[in-house]
């Protein structure tokens, strides 16, 4: 679910994020998820009353990506190839470790852009 975050950031709707920029992401390509779902359906078929749980993960342990790294790469890409709807000079995303810091920055950003809650 990184796509909505990146698009909102690209459109200037999200300048700050409450979280740890060093947290690891587990980004899974959609084709892996679909292939796993098809394989599970083929193995179990219809009408099986027993609950089966499958976990699909990526290679985040051998090739980790951090949230801050994803947003830095997004920033670079969006500076070079902005969305057509982009009307701002895109700044790097700011990460906040506290709710108070995030809230005050969010309010300040909305006051600057003229947006209200």
C-alpha atoms as a PDB file:
ATOM      1  CA  UNK A   1       0.000   0.000   0.000  1.00  0.00           C
ATOM      2  CA  UNK A   2       2.836   2.392  -0.701  1.00  0.00           C
ATOM      3  CA  UNK A   3       1.213   3.675  -3.890  1.00  0.00           C
ATOM      4  CA  UNK A   4      -1.423   5.951  -2.263  1.00  0.00           C
ATOM      5  CA  UNK A   5       1.234   7.444   0.021  1.00  0.00           C
ATOM      6  CA  UNK A   6       3.566   8.214  -2.889  1.00  0.00           C
ATOM      7  CA  UNK A   7       0.757   9.695  -5.016  1.00  0.00           C
ATOM      8  CA  UNK A   8      -0.491  11.890  -2.147  1.00  0.00           C
ATOM      9  CA  UNK A   9       3.103  13.021  -1.559  1.00  0.00           C
ATOM     10  CA  UNK A  10       3.537  13.768  -5.289  1.00  0.00           C
ATOM     11  CA  UNK A  11       0.393  15.916  -5.315  1.00  0.00           C
ATOM     12  CA  UNK A  12       1.503  17.889  -2.252  1.00  0.00           C
ATOM     13  CA  UNK A  13      -1.261  16.401  -0.084  1.00  0.00           C
ATOM     14  CA  UNK A  14       1.185  14.653   2.255  1.00  0.00           C
ATOM     15  CA  UNK A  15       4.376  16.424   3.314  1.00  0.00           C
ATOM     16  CA  UNK A  16       4.915  14.724   6.661  1.00  0.00           C
ATOM     17  CA  UNK A  17       4.693  11.181   7.960  1.00  0.00           C
ATOM     18  CA  UNK A  18       4.331   9.884  11.494  1.00  0.00           C
ATOM     19  CA  UNK A  19       6.757   6.990  11.738  1.00  0.00           C
ATOM     20  CA  UNK A  20      10.328   5.805  11.704  1.00  0.00           C
ATOM     21  CA  UNK A  21      12.224   6.517   8.484  1.00  0.00           C
ATOM     22  CA  UNK A  22      14.520   3.590   9.353  1.00  0.00           C
ATOM     23  CA  UNK A  23      11.677   1.034   9.538  1.00  0.00           C
ATOM     24  CA  UNK A  24      11.973  -1.811   7.042  1.00  0.00           C
ATOM     25  CA  UNK A  25       9.391  -2.278   4.294  1.00  0.00           C
ATOM     26  CA  UNK A  26       8.205  -5.598   2.958  1.00  0.00           C
ATOM     27  CA  UNK A  27       7.198  -4.610  -0.560  1.00  0.00           C
ATOM     28  CA  UNK A  28       5.696  -7.536  -2.441  1.00  0.00           C
ATOM     29  CA  UNK A  29       5.149  -7.386  -6.200  1.00  0.00           C
ATOM     30  CA  UNK A  30       1.499  -7.925  -7.055  1.00  0.00           C
ATOM     31  CA  UNK A  31       2.304 -10.824  -9.394  1.00  0.00           C
ATOM     32  CA  UNK A  32       3.751 -12.769  -6.439  1.00  0.00           C
ATOM     33  CA  UNK A  33       0.564 -12.247  -4.446  1.00  0.00           C
ATOM     34  CA  UNK A  34      -1.659 -13.255  -7.380  1.00  0.00           C
ATOM     35  CA  UNK A  35       0.451 -16.345  -8.120  1.00  0.00           C
ATOM     36  CA  UNK A  36       0.232 -17.425  -4.481  1.00  0.00           C
ATOM     37  CA  UNK A  37      -3.561 -16.955  -4.470  1.00  0.00           C
ATOM     38  CA  UNK A  38      -3.937 -18.996  -7.679  1.00  0.00           C
ATOM     39  CA  UNK A  39      -1.684 -21.747  -6.321  1.00  0.00           C
ATOM     40  CA  UNK A  40      -3.695 -21.913  -3.074  1.00  0.00           C
ATOM     41  CA  UNK A  41      -6.978 -22.121  -5.017  1.00  0.00           C
ATOM     42  CA  UNK A  42      -5.578 -24.856  -7.269  1.00  0.00           C
ATOM     43  CA  UNK A  43      -4.375 -26.889  -4.275  1.00  0.00           C
ATOM     44  CA  UNK A  44      -7.507 -26.628  -2.171  1.00  0.00           C
ATOM     45  CA  UNK A  45     -10.284 -26.094  -4.708  1.00  0.00           C
ATOM     46  CA  UNK A  46     -13.791 -25.098  -3.718  1.00  0.00           C
ATOM     47  CA  UNK A  47     -15.822 -26.248  -0.784  1.00  0.00           C
ATOM     48  CA  UNK A  48     -12.973 -26.836   1.690  1.00  0.00           C
ATOM     49  CA  UNK A  49     -14.267 -25.915   5.129  1.00  0.00           C
ATOM     50  CA  UNK A  50     -10.851 -25.990   6.814  1.00  0.00           C
ATOM     51  CA  UNK A  51      -9.174 -22.588   7.126  1.00  0.00           C
ATOM     52  CA  UNK A  52      -5.782 -22.363   5.442  1.00  0.00           C
ATOM     53  CA  UNK A  53      -3.502 -19.363   5.990  1.00  0.00           C
ATOM     54  CA  UNK A  54      -0.672 -18.432   3.644  1.00  0.00           C
ATOM     55  CA  UNK A  55       1.944 -15.721   4.130  1.00  0.00           C
ATOM     56  CA  UNK A  56       3.634 -14.215   1.103  1.00  0.00           C
ATOM     57  CA  UNK A  57       6.756 -12.212   1.840  1.00  0.00           C
ATOM     58  CA  UNK A  58       9.528 -10.618  -0.164  1.00  0.00           C
ATOM     59  CA  UNK A  59      13.278 -10.634   0.186  1.00  0.00           C
ATOM     60  CA  UNK A  60      13.297  -7.817   2.737  1.00  0.00           C
ATOM     61  CA  UNK A  61      15.793  -9.646   4.939  1.00  0.00           C
ATOM     62  CA  UNK A  62      18.371 -10.170   2.185  1.00  0.00           C
ATOM     63  CA  UNK A  63      17.682  -6.905   0.342  1.00  0.00           C
ATOM     64  CA  UNK A  64      16.109  -4.514   2.874  1.00  0.00           C
ATOM     65  CA  UNK A  65      14.516  -1.215   1.966  1.00  0.00           C
ATOM     66  CA  UNK A  66      13.694   1.397   4.547  1.00  0.00           C
ATOM     67  CA  UNK A  67      10.695   3.736   4.478  1.00  0.00           C
ATOM     68  CA  UNK A  68      12.934   6.802   4.284  1.00  0.00           C
ATOM     69  CA  UNK A  69      14.869   5.293   1.373  1.00  0.00           C
ATOM     70  CA  UNK A  70      11.638   4.652  -0.545  1.00  0.00           C
ATOM     71  CA  UNK A  71      10.508   8.233  -0.012  1.00  0.00           C
ATOM     72  CA  UNK A  72      13.941   9.609  -1.004  1.00  0.00           C
ATOM     73  CA  UNK A  73      13.818   7.564  -4.230  1.00  0.00           C
ATOM     74  CA  UNK A  74      10.242   8.753  -4.804  1.00  0.00           C
ATOM     75  CA  UNK A  75      11.357  12.351  -4.237  1.00  0.00           C
ATOM     76  CA  UNK A  76      14.178  12.001  -6.789  1.00  0.00           C
ATOM     77  CA  UNK A  77      11.878  10.422  -9.371  1.00  0.00           C
ATOM     78  CA  UNK A  78       9.071  12.936  -8.862  1.00  0.00           C
ATOM     79  CA  UNK A  79      11.485  15.879  -9.126  1.00  0.00           C
ATOM     80  CA  UNK A  80      12.715  14.510 -12.477  1.00  0.00           C
ATOM     81  CA  UNK A  81       9.279  13.412 -13.720  1.00  0.00           C
ATOM     82  CA  UNK A  82       6.523  15.250 -11.812  1.00  0.00           C
ATOM     83  CA  UNK A  83       2.872  14.319 -12.085  1.00  0.00           C
ATOM     84  CA  UNK A  84       0.801  16.574 -14.327  1.00  0.00           C
ATOM     85  CA  UNK A  85      -1.255  17.610 -11.276  1.00  0.00           C
ATOM     86  CA  UNK A  86       1.830  18.694  -9.308  1.00  0.00           C
ATOM     87  CA  UNK A  87       1.707  22.433  -8.626  1.00  0.00           C
ATOM     88  CA  UNK A  88       4.300  22.668  -5.851  1.00  0.00           C
ATOM     89  CA  UNK A  89       8.042  22.477  -5.542  1.00  0.00           C
ATOM     90  CA  UNK A  90       8.302  19.055  -3.933  1.00  0.00           C
ATOM     91  CA  UNK A  91      10.308  18.977  -0.709  1.00  0.00           C
ATOM     92  CA  UNK A  92      11.696  15.890   0.981  1.00  0.00           C
ATOM     93  CA  UNK A  93       9.195  14.151   3.213  1.00  0.00           C
ATOM     94  CA  UNK A  94       9.627  14.847   6.916  1.00  0.00           C
ATOM     95  CA  UNK A  95       9.295  11.968   9.379  1.00  0.00           C
ATOM     96  CA  UNK A  96       8.086  12.540  12.942  1.00  0.00           C
ATOM     97  CA  UNK A  97       8.664  10.239  15.900  1.00  0.00           C
ATOM     98  CA  UNK A  98       5.906  11.787  18.024  1.00  0.00           C
ATOM     99  CA  UNK A  99       2.238  12.469  17.450  1.00  0.00           C
ATOM    100  CA  UNK A 100       2.679  15.998  18.771  1.00  0.00           C
ATOM    101  CA  UNK A 101       5.413  16.809  16.250  1.00  0.00           C
ATOM    102  CA  UNK A 102       3.406  15.313  13.408  1.00  0.00           C
ATOM    103  CA  UNK A 103       0.204  17.136  14.401  1.00  0.00           C
ATOM    104  CA  UNK A 104       1.836  20.546  14.709  1.00  0.00           C
ATOM    105  CA  UNK A 105       3.637  20.118  11.383  1.00  0.00           C
ATOM    106  CA  UNK A 106       0.398  18.945   9.743  1.00  0.00           C
ATOM    107  CA  UNK A 107      -1.487  22.002  11.039  1.00  0.00           C
ATOM    108  CA  UNK A 108       1.328  24.315   9.919  1.00  0.00           C
ATOM    109  CA  UNK A 109       1.343  22.733   6.439  1.00  0.00           C
ATOM    110  CA  UNK A 110      -2.451  23.127   6.129  1.00  0.00           C
ATOM    111  CA  UNK A 111      -2.266  26.758   7.242  1.00  0.00           C
ATOM    112  CA  UNK A 112       0.396  27.459   4.582  1.00  0.00           C
ATOM    113  CA  UNK A 113      -1.617  25.805   1.809  1.00  0.00           C
ATOM    114  CA  UNK A 114      -4.942  27.266   2.945  1.00  0.00           C
ATOM    115  CA  UNK A 115      -6.503  23.863   3.623  1.00  0.00           C
ATOM    116  CA  UNK A 116      -8.712  23.252   6.605  1.00  0.00           C
ATOM    117  CA  UNK A 117      -9.633  19.990   8.272  1.00  0.00           C
END
